[in-house]
Amino acid sequence: MATEPDATPGDALRSILRGPAARRPRGRAPAAASSAHPRPRPASDPPVSEVHVDLVTGRLVMTGRLDVRTTHLLYDAISALLTARHPTWTVDVGGLTHVDDAGVRVLLGAYRRAVRHGRRITLRGASPALRHALTLLRLDRHVLLGEEAAPGDPGAGPGPGGPP
């Protein structure tokens, strides 16, 4: 085994004992592990996402973000509602600060699970952007019952009971 000219025999032995993954050229600092020191959240980030479930009334209240990192919260809440056997569910999404495509997909999945188990789900307090996404999926007619579209909402059609 060849060693660098300025390396001592002890360096070569330590390199062999540490294994090939630990061998790095001299002069380079090892890369810091991203999970070793988690970065603190900036003050501008919204609070942690939460889902509150009322099994008696079949109501969910969501706050924070509904994105790829928090979709499991809604999935678990829907699972809890399935055990309560309440026929209608109301999901208050007015406290959501952000919904990405994964969030819309989990809302679609919640609708499918409700229908599959003979339940009805209604969203309350949906933002114009969320209403628009639900309209594009043609889900607005099923989950936004009784919610009127905001004036000027480009994706919103007439509310339920309005002209087609």
N, C-alpha and C. Protein backbone atom coordinates (compact mmCIF):
# COMPACT_ATOMS: atom_id res chain seq x y z
N MET A 1 0.84 -1.17 0.00
CA MET A 1 0.00 0.00 0.00
C MET A 1 0.88 1.23 0.00
N ALA A 2 0.62 2.14 -0.94
CA ALA A 2 1.42 3.35 -1.03
C ALA A 2 0.81 4.42 -0.16
N THR A 3 1.64 5.18 0.51
CA THR A 3 1.17 6.29 1.33
C THR A 3 1.71 7.57 0.76
N GLU A 4 1.09 8.66 1.14
CA GLU A 4 1.55 9.97 0.68
C GLU A 4 2.90 10.25 1.33
N PRO A 5 3.74 11.07 0.68
CA PRO A 5 5.08 11.31 1.21
C PRO A 5 5.06 11.95 2.60
N ASP A 6 4.11 12.81 2.90
CA ASP A 6 4.10 13.46 4.21
C ASP A 6 3.28 12.69 5.24
N ALA A 7 2.72 11.54 4.85
CA ALA A 7 1.93 10.74 5.78
C ALA A 7 2.85 9.88 6.62
N THR A 8 2.51 9.70 7.85
CA THR A 8 3.29 8.86 8.75
C THR A 8 2.73 7.44 8.70
N PRO A 9 3.47 6.45 9.15
CA PRO A 9 2.95 5.09 9.18
C PRO A 9 1.68 4.98 10.04
N GLY A 10 1.56 5.82 11.07
CA GLY A 10 0.37 5.80 11.92
C GLY A 10 -0.86 6.27 11.14
N ASP A 11 -0.67 7.25 10.23
CA ASP A 11 -1.79 7.73 9.41
C ASP A 11 -2.29 6.61 8.51
N ALA A 12 -1.39 5.87 7.91
CA ALA A 12 -1.79 4.78 7.02
C ALA A 12 -2.54 3.71 7.80
N LEU A 13 -2.08 3.39 9.02
CA LEU A 13 -2.75 2.39 9.82
C LEU A 13 -4.16 2.85 10.21
N ARG A 14 -4.27 4.12 10.63
CA ARG A 14 -5.60 4.64 10.99
C ARG A 14 -6.53 4.62 9.78
N SER A 15 -5.99 4.91 8.60
CA SER A 15 -6.80 4.90 7.39
C SER A 15 -7.30 3.49 7.09
N ILE A 16 -6.47 2.50 7.30
CA ILE A 16 -6.87 1.11 7.05
C ILE A 16 -7.92 0.68 8.07
N LEU A 17 -7.74 1.05 9.32
CA LEU A 17 -8.68 0.65 10.36
C LEU A 17 -10.04 1.32 10.19
N ARG A 18 -10.05 2.54 9.67
CA ARG A 18 -11.33 3.24 9.49
C ARG A 18 -12.10 2.72 8.29
N GLY A 19 -11.47 2.13 7.34
CA GLY A 19 -12.16 1.59 6.17
C GLY A 19 -12.13 2.56 5.01
N PRO A 20 -12.56 2.08 3.82
CA PRO A 20 -12.45 2.89 2.62
C PRO A 20 -13.36 4.12 2.64
N ALA A 21 -14.49 4.07 3.32
CA ALA A 21 -15.39 5.22 3.33
C ALA A 21 -14.80 6.39 4.09
N ALA A 22 -13.91 6.11 5.03
CA ALA A 22 -13.34 7.17 5.84
C ALA A 22 -12.10 7.79 5.22
N ARG A 23 -11.56 7.21 4.15
CA ARG A 23 -10.35 7.74 3.53
C ARG A 23 -10.70 8.96 2.69
N ARG A 24 -10.12 10.06 3.04
CA ARG A 24 -10.32 11.30 2.29
C ARG A 24 -8.96 11.90 1.99
N PRO A 25 -8.85 12.57 0.84
CA PRO A 25 -7.58 13.23 0.56
C PRO A 25 -7.28 14.28 1.60
N ARG A 26 -6.01 14.46 1.86
CA ARG A 26 -5.61 15.46 2.85
C ARG A 26 -5.98 16.84 2.36
N GLY A 27 -6.34 17.70 3.30
CA GLY A 27 -6.64 19.09 2.96
C GLY A 27 -8.13 19.34 2.77
N ARG A 28 -8.94 18.29 2.68
CA ARG A 28 -10.39 18.49 2.54
C ARG A 28 -11.07 18.20 3.87
N ALA A 29 -11.95 19.06 4.24
CA ALA A 29 -12.70 18.84 5.47
C ALA A 29 -13.87 17.90 5.15
N PRO A 30 -14.20 17.04 6.08
CA PRO A 30 -15.34 16.15 5.84
C PRO A 30 -16.63 16.96 5.75
N ALA A 31 -17.53 16.48 4.93
CA ALA A 31 -18.81 17.16 4.78
C ALA A 31 -19.64 16.98 6.04
N ALA A 32 -20.33 18.02 6.43
CA ALA A 32 -21.17 17.96 7.63
C ALA A 32 -22.46 17.21 7.31
N ALA A 33 -22.86 16.37 8.20
CA ALA A 33 -24.11 15.64 8.02
C ALA A 33 -25.29 16.58 8.25
N SER A 34 -26.27 16.55 7.36
CA SER A 34 -27.38 17.47 7.46
C SER A 34 -28.29 17.16 8.64
N SER A 35 -28.35 15.91 9.05
CA SER A 35 -29.24 15.56 10.15
C SER A 35 -28.56 15.71 11.51
N ALA A 36 -27.24 15.93 11.52
CA ALA A 36 -26.52 16.04 12.78
C ALA A 36 -26.93 17.29 13.54
N HIS A 37 -27.11 18.38 12.84
CA HIS A 37 -27.49 19.64 13.46
C HIS A 37 -28.65 20.25 12.68
N PRO A 38 -29.88 19.92 13.06
CA PRO A 38 -31.01 20.48 12.31
C PRO A 38 -31.03 21.99 12.41
N ARG A 39 -31.37 22.60 11.29
CA ARG A 39 -31.43 24.05 11.27
C ARG A 39 -32.68 24.53 11.98
N PRO A 40 -32.57 25.59 12.76
CA PRO A 40 -33.78 26.12 13.38
C PRO A 40 -34.68 26.73 12.32
N ARG A 41 -35.98 26.66 12.58
CA ARG A 41 -36.94 27.25 11.65
C ARG A 41 -36.85 28.75 11.70
N PRO A 42 -36.88 29.41 10.52
CA PRO A 42 -36.91 30.87 10.54
C PRO A 42 -38.20 31.36 11.19
N ALA A 43 -38.15 32.57 11.74
CA ALA A 43 -39.31 33.13 12.42
C ALA A 43 -40.47 33.33 11.46
N SER A 44 -40.19 33.44 10.15
CA SER A 44 -41.25 33.67 9.18
C SER A 44 -42.05 32.42 8.87
N ASP A 45 -41.55 31.24 9.23
CA ASP A 45 -42.29 30.00 8.98
C ASP A 45 -43.54 29.97 9.85
N PRO A 46 -44.65 29.43 9.30
CA PRO A 46 -45.86 29.32 10.09
C PRO A 46 -45.69 28.30 11.20
N PRO A 47 -46.56 28.31 12.18
CA PRO A 47 -46.44 27.34 13.25
C PRO A 47 -46.61 25.92 12.73
N VAL A 48 -46.30 24.99 13.57
CA VAL A 48 -46.38 23.57 13.22
C VAL A 48 -47.81 23.23 12.81
N SER A 49 -47.95 22.37 11.83
CA SER A 49 -49.26 21.95 11.37
C SER A 49 -49.94 21.09 12.42
N GLU A 50 -51.25 21.30 12.57
CA GLU A 50 -52.02 20.54 13.54
C GLU A 50 -53.35 20.14 12.94
N VAL A 51 -53.86 19.01 13.39
CA VAL A 51 -55.19 18.56 13.02
C VAL A 51 -55.90 18.18 14.31
N HIS A 52 -57.03 18.82 14.56
CA HIS A 52 -57.83 18.50 15.74
C HIS A 52 -59.07 17.74 15.27
N VAL A 53 -59.34 16.61 15.91
CA VAL A 53 -60.44 15.74 15.51
C VAL A 53 -61.49 15.71 16.62
N ASP A 54 -62.74 15.95 16.24
CA ASP A 54 -63.86 15.79 17.16
C ASP A 54 -64.66 14.58 16.67
N LEU A 55 -64.50 13.46 17.34
CA LEU A 55 -65.13 12.22 16.90
C LEU A 55 -66.65 12.24 17.10
N VAL A 56 -67.14 13.07 18.00
CA VAL A 56 -68.58 13.13 18.27
C VAL A 56 -69.31 13.82 17.12
N THR A 57 -68.75 14.94 16.65
CA THR A 57 -69.42 15.70 15.59
C THR A 57 -68.89 15.38 14.20
N GLY A 58 -67.77 14.67 14.11
CA GLY A 58 -67.18 14.35 12.81
C GLY A 58 -66.50 15.56 12.18
N ARG A 59 -65.91 16.40 13.00
CA ARG A 59 -65.29 17.64 12.53
C ARG A 59 -63.76 17.59 12.70
N LEU A 60 -63.06 18.03 11.66
CA LEU A 60 -61.60 18.18 11.69
C LEU A 60 -61.28 19.66 11.53
N VAL A 61 -60.33 20.15 12.28
CA VAL A 61 -59.85 21.52 12.12
C VAL A 61 -58.36 21.43 11.85
N MET A 62 -57.94 21.98 10.69
CA MET A 62 -56.54 21.91 10.28
C MET A 62 -55.93 23.30 10.30
N THR A 63 -54.69 23.39 10.81
CA THR A 63 -53.95 24.65 10.81
C THR A 63 -52.53 24.39 10.35
N GLY A 64 -51.89 25.43 9.86
CA GLY A 64 -50.50 25.33 9.41
C GLY A 64 -50.42 24.99 7.94
N ARG A 65 -49.54 24.08 7.60
CA ARG A 65 -49.31 23.70 6.21
C ARG A 65 -49.84 22.29 5.96
N LEU A 66 -50.35 22.08 4.75
CA LEU A 66 -50.71 20.73 4.31
C LEU A 66 -49.85 20.46 3.09
N ASP A 67 -48.72 19.82 3.34
CA ASP A 67 -47.77 19.54 2.27
C ASP A 67 -47.25 18.12 2.43
N VAL A 68 -46.25 17.79 1.66
CA VAL A 68 -45.74 16.42 1.63
C VAL A 68 -45.27 15.95 3.01
N ARG A 69 -44.83 16.87 3.87
CA ARG A 69 -44.35 16.48 5.19
C ARG A 69 -45.47 16.32 6.21
N THR A 70 -46.68 16.81 5.91
CA THR A 70 -47.74 16.79 6.91
C THR A 70 -49.00 16.05 6.45
N THR A 71 -48.98 15.45 5.27
CA THR A 71 -50.18 14.77 4.78
C THR A 71 -50.58 13.60 5.67
N HIS A 72 -49.63 13.00 6.35
CA HIS A 72 -49.94 11.88 7.23
C HIS A 72 -50.89 12.29 8.35
N LEU A 73 -50.86 13.56 8.75
CA LEU A 73 -51.75 14.02 9.81
C LEU A 73 -53.22 13.92 9.38
N LEU A 74 -53.51 14.35 8.16
CA LEU A 74 -54.88 14.25 7.66
C LEU A 74 -55.27 12.79 7.45
N TYR A 75 -54.37 12.00 6.92
CA TYR A 75 -54.66 10.58 6.70
C TYR A 75 -55.02 9.90 8.04
N ASP A 76 -54.24 10.17 9.07
CA ASP A 76 -54.51 9.57 10.38
C ASP A 76 -55.82 10.07 10.97
N ALA A 77 -56.13 11.35 10.75
CA ALA A 77 -57.39 11.90 11.27
C ALA A 77 -58.58 11.26 10.58
N ILE A 78 -58.48 11.03 9.28
CA ILE A 78 -59.56 10.36 8.56
C ILE A 78 -59.71 8.93 9.04
N SER A 79 -58.61 8.27 9.33
CA SER A 79 -58.68 6.92 9.89
C SER A 79 -59.41 6.91 11.22
N ALA A 80 -59.16 7.92 12.05
CA ALA A 80 -59.86 8.02 13.33
C ALA A 80 -61.35 8.25 13.11
N LEU A 81 -61.71 9.10 12.14
CA LEU A 81 -63.13 9.34 11.87
C LEU A 81 -63.83 8.09 11.36
N LEU A 82 -63.12 7.25 10.65
CA LEU A 82 -63.72 6.00 10.18
C LEU A 82 -64.14 5.10 11.34
N THR A 83 -63.42 5.15 12.44
CA THR A 83 -63.78 4.32 13.59
C THR A 83 -64.97 4.89 14.35
N ALA A 84 -65.24 6.20 14.19
CA ALA A 84 -66.33 6.85 14.93
C ALA A 84 -67.68 6.60 14.29
N ARG A 85 -67.72 6.19 13.05
CA ARG A 85 -68.95 5.88 12.33
C ARG A 85 -69.89 7.08 12.20
N HIS A 86 -69.35 8.28 12.18
CA HIS A 86 -70.17 9.47 11.96
C HIS A 86 -70.45 9.57 10.46
N PRO A 87 -71.71 9.81 10.03
CA PRO A 87 -72.04 9.77 8.60
C PRO A 87 -71.53 10.95 7.79
N THR A 88 -71.32 12.10 8.42
CA THR A 88 -70.83 13.27 7.68
C THR A 88 -69.60 13.83 8.39
N TRP A 89 -68.65 14.25 7.60
CA TRP A 89 -67.43 14.85 8.13
C TRP A 89 -67.32 16.27 7.62
N THR A 90 -66.89 17.17 8.49
CA THR A 90 -66.62 18.54 8.10
C THR A 90 -65.14 18.80 8.37
N VAL A 91 -64.43 19.23 7.35
CA VAL A 91 -63.01 19.53 7.48
C VAL A 91 -62.85 21.03 7.33
N ASP A 92 -62.47 21.70 8.40
CA ASP A 92 -62.24 23.15 8.38
C ASP A 92 -60.79 23.40 7.98
N VAL A 93 -60.62 23.88 6.74
CA VAL A 93 -59.28 24.12 6.21
C VAL A 93 -58.95 25.60 6.20
N GLY A 94 -59.76 26.41 6.87
CA GLY A 94 -59.54 27.85 6.90
C GLY A 94 -58.24 28.26 7.58
N GLY A 95 -57.71 27.42 8.45
CA GLY A 95 -56.47 27.73 9.16
C GLY A 95 -55.21 27.29 8.43
N LEU A 96 -55.37 26.74 7.23
CA LEU A 96 -54.19 26.30 6.47
C LEU A 96 -53.52 27.51 5.83
N THR A 97 -52.22 27.59 5.97
CA THR A 97 -51.46 28.68 5.36
C THR A 97 -50.90 28.32 4.00
N HIS A 98 -50.78 27.02 3.72
CA HIS A 98 -50.21 26.56 2.45
C HIS A 98 -50.70 25.14 2.17
N VAL A 99 -51.10 24.90 0.93
CA VAL A 99 -51.46 23.55 0.49
C VAL A 99 -50.73 23.30 -0.82
N ASP A 100 -49.89 22.28 -0.88
CA ASP A 100 -49.20 21.96 -2.13
C ASP A 100 -49.92 20.81 -2.83
N ASP A 101 -49.33 20.31 -3.91
CA ASP A 101 -50.00 19.25 -4.67
C ASP A 101 -50.17 17.97 -3.86
N ALA A 102 -49.26 17.67 -2.96
CA ALA A 102 -49.42 16.50 -2.09
C ALA A 102 -50.60 16.71 -1.15
N GLY A 103 -50.80 17.93 -0.70
CA GLY A 103 -51.94 18.23 0.15
C GLY A 103 -53.25 18.07 -0.58
N VAL A 104 -53.30 18.50 -1.83
CA VAL A 104 -54.51 18.33 -2.63
C VAL A 104 -54.76 16.85 -2.87
N ARG A 105 -53.70 16.08 -3.11
CA ARG A 105 -53.87 14.64 -3.31
C ARG A 105 -54.41 13.95 -2.07
N VAL A 106 -53.96 14.36 -0.88
CA VAL A 106 -54.46 13.71 0.33
C VAL A 106 -55.90 14.13 0.59
N LEU A 107 -56.30 15.33 0.19
CA LEU A 107 -57.71 15.72 0.29
C LEU A 107 -58.56 14.87 -0.66
N LEU A 108 -58.04 14.62 -1.85
CA LEU A 108 -58.73 13.75 -2.80
C LEU A 108 -58.83 12.33 -2.23
N GLY A 109 -57.78 11.86 -1.62
CA GLY A 109 -57.80 10.54 -0.98
C GLY A 109 -58.79 10.48 0.17
N ALA A 110 -58.90 11.57 0.93
CA ALA A 110 -59.88 11.62 2.02
C ALA A 110 -61.29 11.53 1.47
N TYR A 111 -61.53 12.22 0.35
CA TYR A 111 -62.85 12.14 -0.29
C TYR A 111 -63.14 10.71 -0.74
N ARG A 112 -62.17 10.07 -1.36
CA ARG A 112 -62.36 8.70 -1.84
C ARG A 112 -62.62 7.74 -0.69
N ARG A 113 -61.89 7.91 0.41
CA ARG A 113 -62.11 7.03 1.57
C ARG A 113 -63.49 7.24 2.16
N ALA A 114 -63.94 8.51 2.19
CA ALA A 114 -65.27 8.80 2.72
C ALA A 114 -66.34 8.11 1.87
N VAL A 115 -66.23 8.26 0.56
CA VAL A 115 -67.22 7.65 -0.35
C VAL A 115 -67.18 6.13 -0.24
N ARG A 116 -66.00 5.58 -0.18
CA ARG A 116 -65.86 4.12 -0.10
C ARG A 116 -66.52 3.54 1.15
N HIS A 117 -66.56 4.35 2.22
CA HIS A 117 -67.14 3.89 3.48
C HIS A 117 -68.54 4.46 3.73
N GLY A 118 -69.16 5.02 2.69
CA GLY A 118 -70.52 5.51 2.80
C GLY A 118 -70.66 6.79 3.61
N ARG A 119 -69.62 7.60 3.63
CA ARG A 119 -69.64 8.86 4.38
C ARG A 119 -69.63 10.03 3.42
N ARG A 120 -69.93 11.21 3.94
CA ARG A 120 -69.90 12.45 3.15
C ARG A 120 -68.90 13.40 3.82
N ILE A 121 -68.05 14.04 3.01
CA ILE A 121 -67.05 14.97 3.53
C ILE A 121 -67.27 16.34 2.90
N THR A 122 -67.17 17.38 3.72
CA THR A 122 -67.34 18.75 3.27
C THR A 122 -66.18 19.58 3.78
N LEU A 123 -65.60 20.40 2.90
CA LEU A 123 -64.53 21.31 3.29
C LEU A 123 -65.13 22.68 3.58
N ARG A 124 -64.67 23.33 4.62
CA ARG A 124 -65.10 24.68 4.99
C ARG A 124 -63.87 25.59 5.05
N GLY A 125 -64.04 26.82 4.58
CA GLY A 125 -62.98 27.81 4.70
C GLY A 125 -61.86 27.64 3.70
N ALA A 126 -62.12 27.00 2.57
CA ALA A 126 -61.06 26.77 1.57
C ALA A 126 -60.62 28.10 0.96
N SER A 127 -59.34 28.25 0.79
CA SER A 127 -58.79 29.45 0.16
C SER A 127 -59.15 29.45 -1.32
N PRO A 128 -59.08 30.61 -1.97
CA PRO A 128 -59.36 30.66 -3.41
C PRO A 128 -58.46 29.71 -4.21
N ALA A 129 -57.20 29.61 -3.84
CA ALA A 129 -56.29 28.72 -4.57
C ALA A 129 -56.69 27.25 -4.40
N LEU A 130 -57.09 26.87 -3.20
CA LEU A 130 -57.53 25.50 -2.97
C LEU A 130 -58.85 25.24 -3.69
N ARG A 131 -59.75 26.20 -3.66
CA ARG A 131 -61.01 26.04 -4.40
C ARG A 131 -60.74 25.87 -5.89
N HIS A 132 -59.78 26.64 -6.40
CA HIS A 132 -59.43 26.53 -7.82
C HIS A 132 -58.88 25.13 -8.13
N ALA A 133 -58.00 24.62 -7.29
CA ALA A 133 -57.44 23.28 -7.51
C ALA A 133 -58.54 22.22 -7.46
N LEU A 134 -59.47 22.36 -6.52
CA LEU A 134 -60.56 21.40 -6.42
C LEU A 134 -61.50 21.50 -7.61
N THR A 135 -61.65 22.71 -8.16
CA THR A 135 -62.47 22.90 -9.35
C THR A 135 -61.83 22.21 -10.55
N LEU A 136 -60.52 22.34 -10.68
CA LEU A 136 -59.83 21.68 -11.79
C LEU A 136 -59.98 20.17 -11.71
N LEU A 137 -60.05 19.63 -10.52
CA LEU A 137 -60.23 18.19 -10.33
C LEU A 137 -61.70 17.78 -10.36
N ARG A 138 -62.58 18.76 -10.52
CA ARG A 138 -64.03 18.55 -10.50
C ARG A 138 -64.50 17.95 -9.17
N LEU A 139 -63.79 18.30 -8.13
CA LEU A 139 -64.13 17.83 -6.80
C LEU A 139 -64.89 18.90 -6.03
N ASP A 140 -64.89 20.13 -6.55
CA ASP A 140 -65.55 21.23 -5.85
C ASP A 140 -67.03 20.97 -5.63
N ARG A 141 -67.69 20.35 -6.58
CA ARG A 141 -69.14 20.08 -6.47
C ARG A 141 -69.45 19.07 -5.38
N HIS A 142 -68.45 18.29 -5.00
CA HIS A 142 -68.67 17.24 -4.02
C HIS A 142 -68.26 17.63 -2.60
N VAL A 143 -67.21 18.43 -2.47
CA VAL A 143 -66.70 18.73 -1.13
C VAL A 143 -66.88 20.17 -0.70
N LEU A 144 -67.25 21.06 -1.60
CA LEU A 144 -67.43 22.46 -1.24
C LEU A 144 -68.91 22.83 -1.18
N LEU A 145 -69.72 21.94 -0.73
CA LEU A 145 -71.16 22.17 -0.67
C LEU A 145 -71.46 23.35 0.25
N GLY A 146 -72.27 24.27 -0.24
CA GLY A 146 -72.67 25.42 0.57
C GLY A 146 -71.65 26.54 0.61
N GLU A 147 -70.50 26.36 0.00
CA GLU A 147 -69.48 27.41 -0.02
C GLU A 147 -69.59 28.16 -1.32
N GLU A 148 -69.77 29.44 -1.23
CA GLU A 148 -69.83 30.27 -2.42
C GLU A 148 -68.42 30.63 -2.84
N ALA A 149 -68.21 30.72 -4.13
CA ALA A 149 -66.91 31.11 -4.66
C ALA A 149 -66.71 32.59 -4.41
N ALA A 150 -65.49 32.97 -4.17
CA ALA A 150 -65.17 34.37 -3.99
C ALA A 150 -65.30 35.09 -5.32
N PRO A 151 -65.79 36.33 -5.33
CA PRO A 151 -65.89 37.07 -6.58
C PRO A 151 -64.52 37.20 -7.23
N GLY A 152 -64.48 36.94 -8.52
CA GLY A 152 -63.22 37.06 -9.25
C GLY A 152 -62.35 35.83 -9.16
N ASP A 153 -62.80 34.77 -8.50
CA ASP A 153 -62.01 33.54 -8.43
C ASP A 153 -62.03 32.92 -9.82
N PRO A 154 -60.87 32.85 -10.49
CA PRO A 154 -60.87 32.42 -11.88
C PRO A 154 -61.32 30.99 -12.09
N GLY A 155 -61.12 30.11 -11.12
CA GLY A 155 -61.46 28.71 -11.35
C GLY A 155 -62.80 28.32 -10.77
N ALA A 156 -63.43 29.23 -10.08
CA ALA A 156 -64.68 28.87 -9.42
C ALA A 156 -65.86 29.14 -10.34
N GLY A 157 -66.71 28.18 -10.42
CA GLY A 157 -67.95 28.34 -11.16
C GLY A 157 -69.02 28.79 -10.19
N PRO A 158 -70.26 28.71 -10.62
CA PRO A 158 -71.34 29.08 -9.72
C PRO A 158 -71.44 28.09 -8.57
N GLY A 159 -71.94 28.56 -7.44
CA GLY A 159 -72.08 27.71 -6.27
C GLY A 159 -73.17 26.69 -6.49
N PRO A 160 -73.33 25.75 -5.56
CA PRO A 160 -74.37 24.75 -5.68
C PRO A 160 -75.74 25.42 -5.77
N GLY A 161 -76.57 24.90 -6.64
CA GLY A 161 -77.91 25.45 -6.81
C GLY A 161 -77.96 26.58 -7.81
N GLY A 162 -76.80 27.01 -8.30
CA GLY A 162 -76.75 28.09 -9.29
C GLY A 162 -76.90 27.54 -10.68
N PRO A 163 -76.92 28.41 -11.67
CA PRO A 163 -77.03 27.95 -13.04
C PRO A 163 -75.79 27.17 -13.46
N PRO A 164 -75.94 26.19 -14.35
CA PRO A 164 -74.79 25.37 -14.77
C PRO A 164 -73.81 26.13 -15.61
